Structures are given as C-alpha cells and as structure tokens.
Amino acid sequence: MSEDKNNDTATEKDAAVKAALQKLQETVVSLEQQLDIEKKLRTKTEINLKSVMKQWKQVAQELSKQQTEAKPFHTVTDEYLKQLVQELRYDVRCFAETYFDDLQWQPWPQQPQLEDGSVPLRVLPEAYEQCPTSPALAQSFVWRILKNKVFDRYEWPADKSVGIDLYGVAKFLKPGKLAVLPCPNDHRLTHFDRLANGPNEVDSTAQSESLRKFHVWRSITANMVFNADTAASPKDRWRTFEDSLITRHIDPIALAFVPEAEYRRYHDLLSTIIEKALVLDREISRQAAWVSWIFEDSDCLTSQGDVNVIVAPAMVKRGKSSGDGFEEQRQLLQADTCIIQSLLSSKANSQEERGSPTEEPTEGPTQGPTEGPTEGPAQGPTRG
C-alpha cells in the first residue's frame, strides 16, 4: 500500500511538472508574439521617423532657401547708421578745428587749376566764398568731398576694377527718376526732404517699386562683392585711394593752413576720416534702403546778408534695410548748420563806421565778424 501511495505522489509530481512546462511554453509563446509585435512596431516607427526626418530636412532646406531669397542683404539698424555718421561728424569737426581755427580773416581759397589746365569742379557753393575761412567752412568742404568722391562710388572693394565696374553698372541701371519723397504733413521731416520733387508732385507706386527693385539688386550685388573680399584685405587698396583723394582734392586747398611739420598728422587725420567714410559707405551699400546725403544751398543767404553754412549734410533714408517700405522715408539726422557773417557784410559795416561824420577815422585792421578776433587778425599757420 505504501508503494501505491508513492506511485500516486510521483504521478502527481509529473502532472504538476507537465502543467508548469505547458504554462511556461504558453508564456514563451505569448512573449514571442509580443516581441514580434514590438519588432513590427519598432520597424514601423523607424520608417515613420525616417520619413519625418526627410520631411524636416526638406522643410529646413526650403526655409533656408526662402530666407536667403528674402534677406540676401545686410540688415542695418537706424541707430547703428546714426552712430557711424555721428562718429564721422566728430572726426571731421576735430580736424577742422585743428587746422582752420583762429586764422586771419580771408576768403576760402579758390581751387587751383589741375595739371592739365582744366578748371576743377566747384566744391563749396559760390555764396560761401563770401565767408571767412573757418572750421565751419572746412567741415562743409570735407563733407562735400566725401559725398562727391566716396559715398555711392563703390570705392570700398579690395579690387579697384570691381568697384569701377559696379559703379558703372549701378549708374546705368539706376531708375531715371529718383526722388526724395515730398512729405508736407510729416513733422519729422524738414525742407531737406523736399528737394528733388516739388510739393505737388505725387510719387507713384510704380516709382517706389522701381526704386525697391534697384536697391535690392544693389544690396545683393554689394554683399556678393563683400563676401568675395573676405579673402583679401582692402586696406592696401584703401590706403592708395586715401592718398590720391587727399593729394588731388584736399591738399590744394588745405595745405595753405598746415605747417610743414604738421603734414604727417594732418594726413593721418584725413586718412582716418576717409577710411571711416569707406566703412560707412560699405555698410550702406550692403543694405537695401536708399540713404541720401542732402545739402540745401539755395537759400543760404539770410535777410541780414549773412550765410547759412551747411556744415554737415542731412541723412535721409527711404525704405528699410530689409528691402521693403519704399513708399516711406524718414530723416535719420538733421543737417548741421552755422550762421556766419560774410566778409562783404563786415566790410560794409566797417565802411559805414569809418564814413560817419561823428566818428574819428581809425587806423589798423578792419573789424571782423562777431565770431572773430577784435584786435587785429590772428596770424594763421602757413605751409612753405
């Protein structure tokens, strides 16, 4: 009987083992099925991920392309532009006060004939010839040289021939009618903004679009030139240009007031001014807005016979550096001006005083303008 009991126990154990094995096999099968499902899900997820990544790359490339097409030019803020111009104004003023202050009362020198015998173009307005030589006239002279010989002339590329070609093409493509918008109702703008157009002339959308297309092209091209220049420094080219500009257009007037021993310092100060002007013109060229330098000399004579000298030009910006908004403009900086008593007015006053029957005739130098010395002329430096 004991043997039968043992057999029953063994049978029960075998049954339990078989049941456990069967359950384990079922668990393994279930896990294998779940693993297979997970593998399929992972494969599907990887396929979806690759598809999403491909789409993301396409979107990123398209966005980059659109950004490149939309903003191929340099973005410059108004504050940055004004900062550059104000620094340049300061340097020009310091130069003028160094060499043109406390001079004897004499008219601004006439531009001498060129080596080929031709008469050079007038730099200062004819009315300014009535004014005594002063820092105000010197500043106006330097700023007009910069406007005529540096700004919008593409002198900043490292390769001179590239700048010449770019200037020629830009001059050819420039719309035939470029004008500063008349803004009679804009209190932010002065009469400097109404020079090219009459107050009754309407600027059309077509004109604004023509301006926009030209200046967008100009800025894109300037940026391409700038990027090509990164491998070559323009400093040597700039130095040659600075020397030529000083020698040909400034020295013939200014050297009469610069001592021989001061020439190197004088030349270095002018070189710094011209270099900053080149940097400023490069920044303006690379952005799409149209920046204008405005001198207004038509009403420079006052009712008292004095002269309203434009010491530094106004800076007017039409459009935005992003390439839109050409229907609008704003004046970023007003012109610097200075009222100077003319030599003719001073001479007339002196003659009236000497001709008065109640006054004794006086000897000595003629009384100068109120800004000048009152006890004879100050001896200015001369260059031998």
Protein backbone atom coordinates (compact mmCIF):
# COMPACT_ATOMS: atom_id res chain seq x y z
CA MET A 1 0.00 0.00 0.00
CA SER A 2 2.90 2.25 0.71
CA GLU A 3 4.18 1.54 -2.77
CA ASP A 4 0.87 2.60 -4.33
CA LYS A 5 0.99 5.83 -2.35
CA ASN A 6 4.45 6.58 -3.67
CA ASN A 7 3.32 5.95 -7.21
CA ASP A 8 0.42 8.33 -6.78
CA THR A 9 2.76 11.00 -5.45
CA ALA A 10 5.11 10.57 -8.43
CA THR A 11 2.22 10.79 -10.81
CA GLU A 12 1.01 14.00 -9.22
CA LYS A 13 4.52 15.47 -9.45
CA ASP A 14 4.77 14.53 -13.11
CA ALA A 15 1.43 16.13 -13.76
CA ALA A 16 2.49 19.27 -11.94
CA VAL A 17 5.74 19.43 -13.90
CA LYS A 18 3.91 18.94 -17.17
CA ALA A 19 1.43 21.64 -16.22
CA ALA A 20 4.26 24.00 -15.31
CA LEU A 21 6.09 23.26 -18.56
CA GLN A 22 2.93 23.80 -20.55
CA LYS A 23 2.31 27.10 -18.79
CA LEU A 24 5.90 28.13 -19.36
CA GLN A 25 5.63 27.24 -23.03
CA GLU A 26 2.46 29.27 -23.29
CA THR A 27 4.24 32.19 -21.61
CA VAL A 28 7.17 31.88 -24.01
CA VAL A 29 4.81 31.80 -26.98
CA SER A 30 2.99 34.85 -25.65
CA LEU A 31 6.27 36.71 -25.10
CA GLU A 32 7.46 35.76 -28.57
CA GLN A 33 4.22 37.09 -30.01
CA GLN A 34 4.59 40.34 -28.03
CA LEU A 35 8.23 40.62 -29.14
CA ASP A 36 7.19 40.13 -32.72
CA ILE A 37 4.58 42.85 -32.31
CA GLU A 38 7.21 45.15 -30.74
CA LYS A 39 9.63 44.43 -33.59
CA LYS A 40 6.99 45.26 -36.16
CA LEU A 41 6.06 48.42 -34.22
CA ARG A 42 9.72 49.44 -33.97
CA THR A 43 10.23 48.85 -37.68
CA LYS A 44 7.17 50.94 -38.44
CA THR A 45 8.35 53.66 -36.05
CA GLU A 46 11.79 53.72 -37.66
CA ILE A 47 10.19 54.04 -41.08
CA ASN A 48 8.00 56.88 -39.83
CA LEU A 49 11.00 58.55 -38.18
CA LYS A 50 13.00 58.40 -41.39
CA SER A 51 10.06 59.86 -43.26
CA VAL A 52 9.66 62.65 -40.69
CA MET A 53 13.40 63.41 -40.77
CA LYS A 54 13.33 63.54 -44.56
CA GLN A 55 10.38 65.91 -44.49
CA TRP A 56 12.09 68.03 -41.81
CA LYS A 57 15.22 68.32 -43.92
CA GLN A 58 13.14 69.33 -46.92
CA VAL A 59 11.31 71.96 -44.87
CA ALA A 60 14.59 73.23 -43.39
CA GLN A 61 16.17 73.49 -46.82
CA GLU A 62 13.13 75.28 -48.21
CA LEU A 63 13.09 77.66 -45.24
CA SER A 64 16.78 78.36 -45.66
CA LYS A 65 16.23 78.99 -49.35
CA GLN A 66 13.35 81.35 -48.64
CA GLN A 67 15.37 83.20 -46.01
CA THR A 68 18.27 83.54 -48.42
CA GLU A 69 15.99 84.82 -51.16
CA ALA A 70 14.09 87.09 -48.79
CA LYS A 71 17.13 88.57 -46.99
CA PRO A 72 20.18 88.32 -49.19
CA PHE A 73 21.45 91.67 -47.95
CA HIS A 74 22.83 93.17 -44.81
CA THR A 75 20.40 94.37 -42.14
CA VAL A 76 21.46 97.66 -40.58
CA THR A 77 19.56 99.45 -37.82
CA ASP A 78 18.94 103.18 -37.88
CA GLU A 79 20.77 103.61 -34.58
CA TYR A 80 23.87 101.91 -35.95
CA LEU A 81 23.86 104.11 -39.04
CA LYS A 82 23.43 107.25 -36.96
CA GLN A 83 26.26 106.17 -34.67
CA LEU A 84 28.64 105.77 -37.63
CA VAL A 85 27.68 109.16 -39.06
CA GLN A 86 27.96 110.94 -35.72
CA GLU A 87 31.43 109.49 -35.19
CA LEU A 88 32.41 110.70 -38.65
CA ARG A 89 30.99 114.15 -37.95
CA TYR A 90 33.03 114.33 -34.75
CA ASP A 91 36.27 113.40 -36.54
CA VAL A 92 35.66 115.95 -39.30
CA ARG A 93 34.92 118.65 -36.72
CA CYS A 94 38.11 117.87 -34.77
CA PHE A 95 40.16 118.01 -37.97
CA ALA A 96 38.63 121.35 -38.98
CA GLU A 97 39.13 122.92 -35.56
CA THR A 98 42.75 121.77 -35.52
CA TYR A 99 43.82 123.47 -38.75
CA PHE A 100 41.18 126.12 -39.59
CA ASP A 101 40.53 127.86 -36.27
CA ASP A 102 41.91 131.28 -35.29
CA LEU A 103 43.06 132.13 -38.80
CA GLN A 104 43.37 135.57 -40.33
CA TRP A 105 40.18 136.84 -41.94
CA GLN A 106 40.36 135.84 -45.57
CA PRO A 107 38.04 134.18 -48.09
CA TRP A 108 38.05 130.45 -48.65
CA PRO A 109 40.86 129.66 -51.13
CA GLN A 110 40.00 129.12 -54.77
CA GLN A 111 40.56 125.64 -56.17
CA PRO A 112 43.69 125.87 -58.36
CA GLN A 113 43.72 124.62 -61.91
CA LEU A 114 44.54 120.98 -62.48
CA GLU A 115 47.79 119.86 -64.05
CA ASP A 116 46.12 119.56 -67.46
CA GLY A 117 44.98 123.17 -67.22
CA SER A 118 41.31 122.36 -66.69
CA VAL A 119 39.27 124.14 -64.05
CA PRO A 120 38.19 121.80 -61.22
CA LEU A 121 34.57 121.47 -60.23
CA ARG A 122 33.42 123.83 -57.51
CA VAL A 123 33.26 122.13 -54.12
CA LEU A 124 31.71 124.83 -51.94
CA PRO A 125 28.78 126.95 -53.17
CA GLU A 126 29.63 130.35 -54.60
CA ALA A 127 27.87 132.11 -51.72
CA TYR A 128 30.31 130.50 -49.27
CA GLU A 129 33.12 132.48 -50.90
CA GLN A 130 31.77 135.50 -49.03
CA CYS A 131 32.62 133.79 -45.73
CA PRO A 132 35.98 133.91 -43.96
CA THR A 133 37.96 130.71 -43.73
CA SER A 134 36.77 128.88 -40.61
CA PRO A 135 36.21 125.41 -39.14
CA ALA A 136 32.60 125.53 -40.38
CA LEU A 137 33.68 126.01 -44.00
CA ALA A 138 36.37 123.36 -43.62
CA GLN A 139 33.83 120.83 -42.35
CA SER A 140 31.47 121.63 -45.21
CA PHE A 141 34.35 121.25 -47.66
CA VAL A 142 35.40 117.83 -46.30
CA TRP A 143 31.81 116.54 -46.23
CA ARG A 144 31.23 117.60 -49.83
CA ILE A 145 34.44 115.85 -50.87
CA LEU A 146 33.19 112.68 -49.14
CA LYS A 147 29.76 112.98 -50.77
CA ASN A 148 31.20 113.53 -54.25
CA LYS A 149 34.16 111.13 -54.13
CA VAL A 150 33.34 108.38 -51.59
CA PHE A 151 29.63 107.85 -50.96
CA ASP A 152 27.81 105.79 -53.62
CA ARG A 153 31.07 105.46 -55.59
CA TYR A 154 31.93 101.85 -54.59
CA GLU A 155 35.49 102.71 -53.62
CA TRP A 156 35.49 100.11 -50.80
CA PRO A 157 36.03 96.81 -52.72
CA ALA A 158 39.56 95.41 -52.45
CA ASP A 159 39.75 95.17 -56.24
CA LYS A 160 39.59 98.65 -57.77
CA SER A 161 38.31 97.35 -61.12
CA VAL A 162 35.37 95.64 -59.38
CA GLY A 163 34.38 98.92 -57.76
CA ILE A 164 34.65 100.78 -61.07
CA ASP A 165 32.51 98.17 -62.85
CA LEU A 166 29.95 98.08 -60.04
CA TYR A 167 29.65 101.87 -60.06
CA GLY A 168 29.21 101.89 -63.83
CA VAL A 169 26.52 99.21 -63.81
CA ALA A 170 24.69 100.82 -60.89
CA LYS A 171 24.75 104.19 -62.64
CA PHE A 172 23.36 102.55 -65.80
CA LEU A 173 20.59 100.63 -64.01
CA LYS A 174 19.56 103.44 -61.68
CA PRO A 175 15.93 104.40 -62.35
CA GLY A 176 15.68 107.58 -64.36
CA LYS A 177 13.69 109.42 -61.74
CA LEU A 178 14.98 109.04 -58.23
CA ALA A 179 13.47 111.46 -55.79
CA VAL A 180 13.18 112.13 -52.11
CA LEU A 181 9.51 111.96 -51.27
CA PRO A 182 7.74 115.25 -50.54
CA CYS A 183 6.31 114.95 -47.05
CA PRO A 184 4.49 118.21 -46.29
CA ASN A 185 2.49 116.65 -43.44
CA ASP A 186 5.32 114.75 -41.77
CA HIS A 187 6.57 116.78 -38.82
CA ARG A 188 9.63 114.52 -38.53
CA LEU A 189 11.00 115.75 -41.86
CA THR A 190 12.33 119.17 -42.74
CA HIS A 191 12.62 121.01 -46.05
CA PHE A 192 15.76 118.98 -46.74
CA ASP A 193 13.46 116.13 -47.71
CA ARG A 194 11.64 118.04 -50.45
CA LEU A 195 14.44 118.87 -52.82
CA ALA A 196 14.04 116.60 -55.83
CA ASN A 197 10.24 116.64 -56.05
CA GLY A 198 8.01 119.66 -55.92
CA PRO A 199 5.45 119.75 -53.11
CA ASN A 200 2.61 118.98 -55.54
CA GLU A 201 4.25 116.02 -57.23
CA VAL A 202 2.88 112.60 -56.36
CA ASP A 203 5.24 109.67 -56.07
CA SER A 204 3.56 106.68 -57.70
CA THR A 205 3.61 103.06 -56.62
CA ALA A 206 5.44 102.20 -59.84
CA GLN A 207 8.25 104.61 -58.95
CA SER A 208 8.52 103.13 -55.46
CA GLU A 209 8.65 99.62 -56.88
CA SER A 210 11.28 100.66 -59.40
CA LEU A 211 13.38 102.09 -56.58
CA ARG A 212 12.90 98.97 -54.48
CA LYS A 213 14.00 96.61 -57.25
CA PHE A 214 17.08 98.67 -57.99
CA HIS A 215 18.22 98.97 -54.38
CA VAL A 216 17.53 95.29 -53.67
CA TRP A 217 19.71 94.39 -56.65
CA ARG A 218 22.35 96.86 -55.49
CA SER A 219 22.49 95.43 -51.97
CA ILE A 220 22.60 91.81 -53.19
CA THR A 221 25.45 92.61 -55.56
CA ALA A 222 27.32 94.59 -52.90
CA ASN A 223 27.05 91.66 -50.48
CA MET A 224 28.42 89.28 -53.09
CA VAL A 225 31.38 91.61 -53.59
CA PHE A 226 31.85 91.95 -49.83
CA ASN A 227 31.82 88.17 -49.32
CA ALA A 228 34.34 87.74 -52.13
CA ASP A 229 36.54 90.36 -50.45
CA THR A 230 36.82 88.38 -47.21
CA ALA A 231 39.85 86.52 -48.53
CA ALA A 232 41.64 89.77 -49.38
CA SER A 233 42.13 92.78 -47.14
CA PRO A 234 41.06 96.09 -48.72
CA LYS A 235 43.42 98.10 -46.51
CA ASP A 236 46.16 98.46 -49.13
CA ARG A 237 43.64 99.50 -51.75
CA TRP A 238 42.06 101.95 -49.32
CA ARG A 239 45.41 103.48 -48.47
CA THR A 240 46.11 104.15 -52.14
CA PHE A 241 42.68 105.71 -52.58
CA GLU A 242 43.07 107.85 -49.45
CA ASP A 243 46.46 109.18 -50.59
CA SER A 244 45.09 110.04 -54.03
CA LEU A 245 41.98 111.76 -52.66
CA ILE A 246 43.99 113.84 -50.19
CA THR A 247 46.66 114.81 -52.72
CA ARG A 248 44.33 115.68 -55.60
CA HIS A 249 41.32 117.23 -53.90
CA ILE A 250 42.16 118.37 -50.36
CA ASP A 251 45.83 119.34 -50.30
CA PRO A 252 45.47 122.09 -52.96
CA ILE A 253 43.12 123.94 -50.58
CA ALA A 254 44.18 122.88 -47.10
CA LEU A 255 47.97 122.98 -47.29
CA ALA A 256 47.94 126.78 -47.12
CA PHE A 257 46.92 126.40 -43.47
CA VAL A 258 49.03 123.39 -42.45
CA PRO A 259 52.59 123.84 -41.17
CA GLU A 260 55.26 121.70 -42.80
CA ALA A 261 55.95 119.87 -39.55
CA GLU A 262 52.25 119.03 -39.13
CA TYR A 263 51.74 117.39 -42.51
CA ARG A 264 52.04 113.79 -41.35
CA ARG A 265 49.50 114.29 -38.56
CA TYR A 266 47.22 116.21 -40.90
CA HIS A 267 47.43 113.40 -43.48
CA ASP A 268 46.77 110.71 -40.86
CA LEU A 269 43.68 112.53 -39.57
CA LEU A 270 42.28 112.78 -43.08
CA SER A 271 43.10 109.12 -43.78
CA THR A 272 41.14 108.11 -40.70
CA ILE A 273 38.17 110.21 -41.83
CA ILE A 274 38.21 108.72 -45.33
CA GLU A 275 38.57 105.17 -44.00
CA LYS A 276 35.54 105.63 -41.74
CA ALA A 277 33.64 107.05 -44.70
CA LEU A 278 34.53 103.94 -46.73
CA VAL A 279 33.29 101.68 -43.92
CA LEU A 280 30.08 103.71 -43.70
CA ASP A 281 29.54 103.55 -47.46
CA ARG A 282 30.15 99.79 -47.43
CA GLU A 283 27.56 99.31 -44.69
CA ILE A 284 25.05 101.43 -46.60
CA SER A 285 25.79 99.60 -49.86
CA ARG A 286 25.12 96.19 -48.28
CA GLN A 287 21.63 97.06 -47.02
CA ALA A 288 18.67 97.70 -49.27
CA ALA A 289 17.39 101.07 -48.07
CA TRP A 290 18.21 104.17 -50.09
CA VAL A 291 20.29 106.57 -47.99
CA SER A 292 20.68 110.12 -49.31
CA TRP A 293 23.04 112.91 -48.26
CA ILE A 294 21.21 116.22 -48.56
CA PHE A 295 22.84 119.64 -48.88
CA GLU A 296 20.46 122.53 -49.46
CA ASP A 297 22.25 125.69 -50.51
CA SER A 298 19.55 127.53 -52.47
CA ASP A 299 18.53 129.73 -49.52
CA CYS A 300 21.87 130.03 -47.77
CA LEU A 301 21.81 133.86 -47.55
CA THR A 302 19.92 135.33 -44.60
CA SER A 303 17.96 138.59 -44.58
CA GLN A 304 20.88 140.27 -42.81
CA GLY A 305 23.29 139.25 -45.55
CA ASP A 306 24.92 136.50 -43.51
CA VAL A 307 25.46 132.98 -44.82
CA ASN A 308 23.77 129.85 -43.51
CA VAL A 309 26.54 127.28 -43.96
CA ILE A 310 25.64 123.60 -44.20
CA VAL A 311 28.43 122.18 -42.05
CA ALA A 312 27.36 118.53 -42.48
CA PRO A 313 24.57 117.15 -44.70
CA ALA A 314 21.27 115.72 -43.56
CA MET A 315 20.87 111.95 -43.85
CA VAL A 316 17.54 110.75 -45.27
CA LYS A 317 16.56 107.09 -45.53
CA ARG A 318 13.89 105.78 -47.88
CA GLY A 319 12.70 102.22 -47.42
CA LYS A 320 14.00 99.66 -44.97
CA SER A 321 17.23 97.68 -44.92
CA SER A 322 15.07 94.54 -45.31
CA GLY A 323 14.12 95.63 -48.83
CA ASP A 324 10.57 96.88 -48.35
CA GLY A 325 8.79 100.05 -47.29
CA PHE A 326 9.99 102.24 -50.17
CA GLU A 327 6.75 104.22 -50.00
CA GLU A 328 8.03 105.83 -46.82
CA GLN A 329 11.09 107.77 -45.78
CA ARG A 330 12.44 109.43 -42.68
CA GLN A 331 15.22 111.79 -41.82
CA LEU A 332 17.72 110.00 -39.62
CA LEU A 333 19.92 113.03 -38.94
CA GLN A 334 19.34 116.72 -39.49
CA ALA A 335 21.95 118.82 -41.23
CA ASP A 336 24.47 120.66 -39.09
CA THR A 337 24.26 124.37 -39.89
CA CYS A 338 26.07 127.52 -38.83
CA ILE A 339 25.31 131.21 -39.44
CA ILE A 340 28.48 133.08 -40.45
CA GLN A 341 28.79 136.82 -41.05
CA SER A 342 30.00 137.36 -44.58
CA LEU A 343 33.12 139.33 -45.42
CA LEU A 344 31.05 141.65 -47.62
CA SER A 345 28.68 142.43 -44.76
CA SER A 346 31.59 143.00 -42.39
CA LYS A 347 33.33 145.28 -44.89
CA ALA A 348 30.18 147.30 -45.50
CA ASN A 349 29.65 147.80 -41.79
CA SER A 350 33.24 148.92 -41.35
CA GLN A 351 32.97 151.42 -44.22
CA GLU A 352 29.82 152.88 -42.73
CA GLU A 353 31.55 153.32 -39.39
CA ARG A 354 34.61 155.00 -40.97
CA GLY A 355 32.43 157.26 -43.12
CA SER A 356 30.31 158.57 -40.23
CA PRO A 357 30.86 162.37 -39.66
CA THR A 358 30.60 161.96 -35.91
CA GLU A 359 33.43 159.43 -35.67
CA GLU A 360 37.13 159.89 -35.98
CA PRO A 361 38.80 157.74 -38.67
CA THR A 362 40.62 154.78 -37.24
CA GLU A 363 43.70 153.01 -38.34
CA GLY A 364 44.52 149.35 -38.14
CA PRO A 365 42.75 146.25 -39.31
CA THR A 366 39.10 146.25 -40.24
CA GLN A 367 36.76 145.00 -37.56
CA GLY A 368 35.93 141.36 -38.34
CA PRO A 369 32.74 139.38 -37.80
CA THR A 370 31.43 138.94 -34.31
CA GLU A 371 32.92 135.46 -34.12
CA GLY A 372 36.39 136.68 -34.97
CA PRO A 373 39.16 138.50 -33.05
CA THR A 374 38.61 142.16 -32.20
CA GLU A 375 42.22 143.39 -32.02
CA GLY A 376 43.70 142.71 -35.41
CA PRO A 377 43.96 139.50 -37.39
CA ALA A 378 45.45 136.39 -35.85
CA GLN A 379 48.36 135.10 -37.82
CA GLY A 380 47.44 131.68 -39.17
CA PRO A 381 49.95 128.92 -39.87
CA THR A 382 51.29 128.76 -43.39
CA ARG A 383 52.95 125.99 -45.33
CA GLY A 384 56.15 126.94 -47.04
